[in-house]
Protein backbone atom coordinates (compact mmCIF):
# COMPACT_ATOMS: atom_id res chain seq x y z
CA MET A 1 66.45 60.60 90.93
CA PRO A 2 65.99 63.13 88.12
CA ILE A 3 65.59 61.98 84.54
CA THR A 4 67.64 64.02 82.06
CA THR A 5 67.21 64.07 78.30
CA PRO A 6 70.37 64.37 76.24
CA TRP A 7 71.44 67.75 74.91
CA VAL A 8 70.21 67.75 71.34
CA PRO A 9 71.60 70.31 68.93
CA GLY A 10 69.10 72.59 67.22
CA PRO A 11 69.08 73.83 63.64
CA ASP A 12 71.65 76.52 64.50
CA ALA A 13 74.03 74.30 66.48
CA ALA A 14 76.97 75.47 64.34
CA HIS A 15 76.47 79.07 65.55
CA GLU A 16 79.95 80.33 66.47
CA GLN A 17 79.06 83.59 68.21
CA PRO A 18 78.09 83.92 71.89
CA VAL A 19 74.73 82.33 72.67
CA GLN A 20 71.77 83.40 74.77
CA VAL A 21 71.22 80.75 77.44
CA MET A 22 67.94 80.21 79.26
CA ALA A 23 67.50 77.97 82.28
CA SER A 24 64.19 77.43 84.02
CA ARG A 25 62.75 75.52 86.96
CA PHE A 26 59.07 74.68 87.33
CA GLU A 27 57.43 73.19 90.41
CA LEU A 28 53.90 71.84 90.10
CA ARG A 29 51.30 72.18 92.88
CA SER A 30 50.32 68.50 92.79
CA VAL A 31 51.85 65.22 91.73
CA LEU A 32 48.56 64.66 89.87
CA HIS A 33 49.69 67.28 87.33
CA VAL A 34 53.03 65.58 86.67
CA PRO A 35 52.08 63.06 83.92
CA GLY A 36 50.31 65.64 81.77
CA PHE A 37 53.01 68.23 82.31
CA LEU A 38 55.73 65.75 81.39
CA ILE A 39 53.99 64.98 78.09
CA GLN A 40 53.56 68.68 77.33
CA ALA A 41 57.16 69.45 78.37
CA MET A 42 58.37 66.87 75.85
CA ARG A 43 56.26 68.54 73.15
CA ILE A 44 57.85 71.89 73.99
CA LEU A 45 61.32 70.32 74.01
CA LEU A 46 60.77 68.92 70.53
CA GLN A 47 59.51 72.31 69.39
CA ALA A 48 62.57 74.05 70.86
CA ARG A 49 64.98 71.65 69.19
CA ARG A 50 63.42 72.41 65.78
CA SER A 51 62.96 76.18 66.16
CA PRO A 52 64.95 78.68 64.11
CA GLY A 53 67.76 80.08 66.22
CA ALA A 54 67.95 77.08 68.55
CA VAL A 55 71.50 76.00 69.32
CA GLY A 56 70.30 73.13 71.53
CA ALA A 57 68.05 72.11 74.40
CA THR A 58 67.59 69.59 77.19
CA LEU A 59 65.05 68.81 79.90
CA LYS A 60 65.41 67.39 83.40
CA ALA A 61 62.50 66.02 85.42
CA ALA A 62 62.15 64.93 89.04
CA PRO A 63 58.54 63.66 88.91
CA LEU A 64 58.24 62.68 92.58
CA ARG A 65 59.46 66.16 93.55
CA ARG A 66 57.01 67.72 91.03
CA THR A 67 59.98 69.66 89.61
CA PHE A 68 61.16 70.17 86.03
CA TRP A 69 64.11 72.10 84.60
CA THR A 70 64.90 73.26 81.09
CA LEU A 71 68.19 74.40 79.60
CA SER A 72 68.48 75.85 76.11
CA ALA A 73 70.79 78.02 74.04
CA TRP A 74 69.77 80.41 71.27
CA THR A 75 71.45 82.53 68.62
CA SER A 76 69.71 85.65 69.96
CA ASP A 77 67.16 86.98 72.43
CA GLU A 78 64.84 87.48 69.46
CA ALA A 79 65.02 83.78 68.51
CA LEU A 80 64.20 82.79 72.10
CA SER A 81 61.30 85.27 72.26
CA THR A 82 59.89 84.07 68.94
CA PHE A 83 59.97 80.47 70.22
CA ALA A 84 58.27 81.45 73.51
CA ARG A 85 55.44 83.21 71.68
CA SER A 86 54.83 80.38 69.21
CA GLN A 87 52.60 77.32 69.46
CA PRO A 88 52.43 74.92 71.15
CA HIS A 89 54.68 76.57 73.76
CA ARG A 90 52.43 79.57 74.29
CA SER A 91 49.19 77.65 74.91
CA ILE A 92 50.82 74.92 77.03
CA ILE A 93 52.44 77.44 79.36
CA GLY A 94 49.15 79.32 79.61
CA ALA A 95 47.25 76.15 80.47
CA TYR A 96 49.68 75.14 83.24
CA ARG A 97 50.22 78.58 84.81
CA THR A 98 47.61 77.97 87.55
CA ARG A 99 49.04 74.51 88.29
CA MET A 100 52.47 75.89 89.15
CA ALA A 101 53.67 76.21 92.74
CA GLY A 102 56.55 78.31 91.42
CA SER A 103 58.82 78.98 88.50
CA THR A 104 62.25 80.55 88.10
CA PHE A 105 64.00 81.75 84.95
CA GLU A 106 67.60 82.79 84.37
CA PHE A 107 69.05 84.27 81.18
CA TRP A 108 72.68 84.98 80.33
CA THR A 109 75.11 85.26 77.44
CA ALA A 110 77.86 82.68 77.11
CA ASP A 111 80.57 81.71 74.63
CA ARG A 112 79.11 78.20 74.50
CA PRO A 113 75.96 76.47 75.72
CA ALA A 114 76.01 75.96 79.47
CA GLY A 115 75.79 72.70 81.35
CA TRP A 116 73.48 71.61 84.15
CA ASP A 117 75.97 72.55 86.91
CA GLU A 118 75.96 76.18 85.81
CA ALA A 119 72.19 76.18 85.28
CA HIS A 120 71.50 74.84 88.77
CA SER A 121 73.94 77.33 90.26
CA ARG A 122 72.22 80.25 88.52
CA LEU A 123 68.78 78.94 89.48
CA LYS A 124 70.07 78.60 93.06
CA ASP A 125 69.05 74.93 93.21
CA THR A 126 70.29 72.92 96.13
């Protein structure tokens, strides 16, 4: 059964304009990579929740399936890009790139942050 963190508002949670939503799915090559990736994913989640332009973020993990999902909302594409290029996100993603069996990303604009049902639908999760 997946473990889901609560949606935590970011510093720009009061943003009243449409938001840029990003959903991702990561599948690791080996269950041996899961503990380390989970720790690093939590670091990235904390970073996202504190980043300028963040409306909010959450993480879902299915450790036995070696699968992780993220869902976040941002005030702009620029805010999301700035977060993605900053540390520790940048170095963690670089370090785990070769340990991934696959990854999927979906981006869209919405009037409000999306929920997991919409994220899974857009990621084509079954």
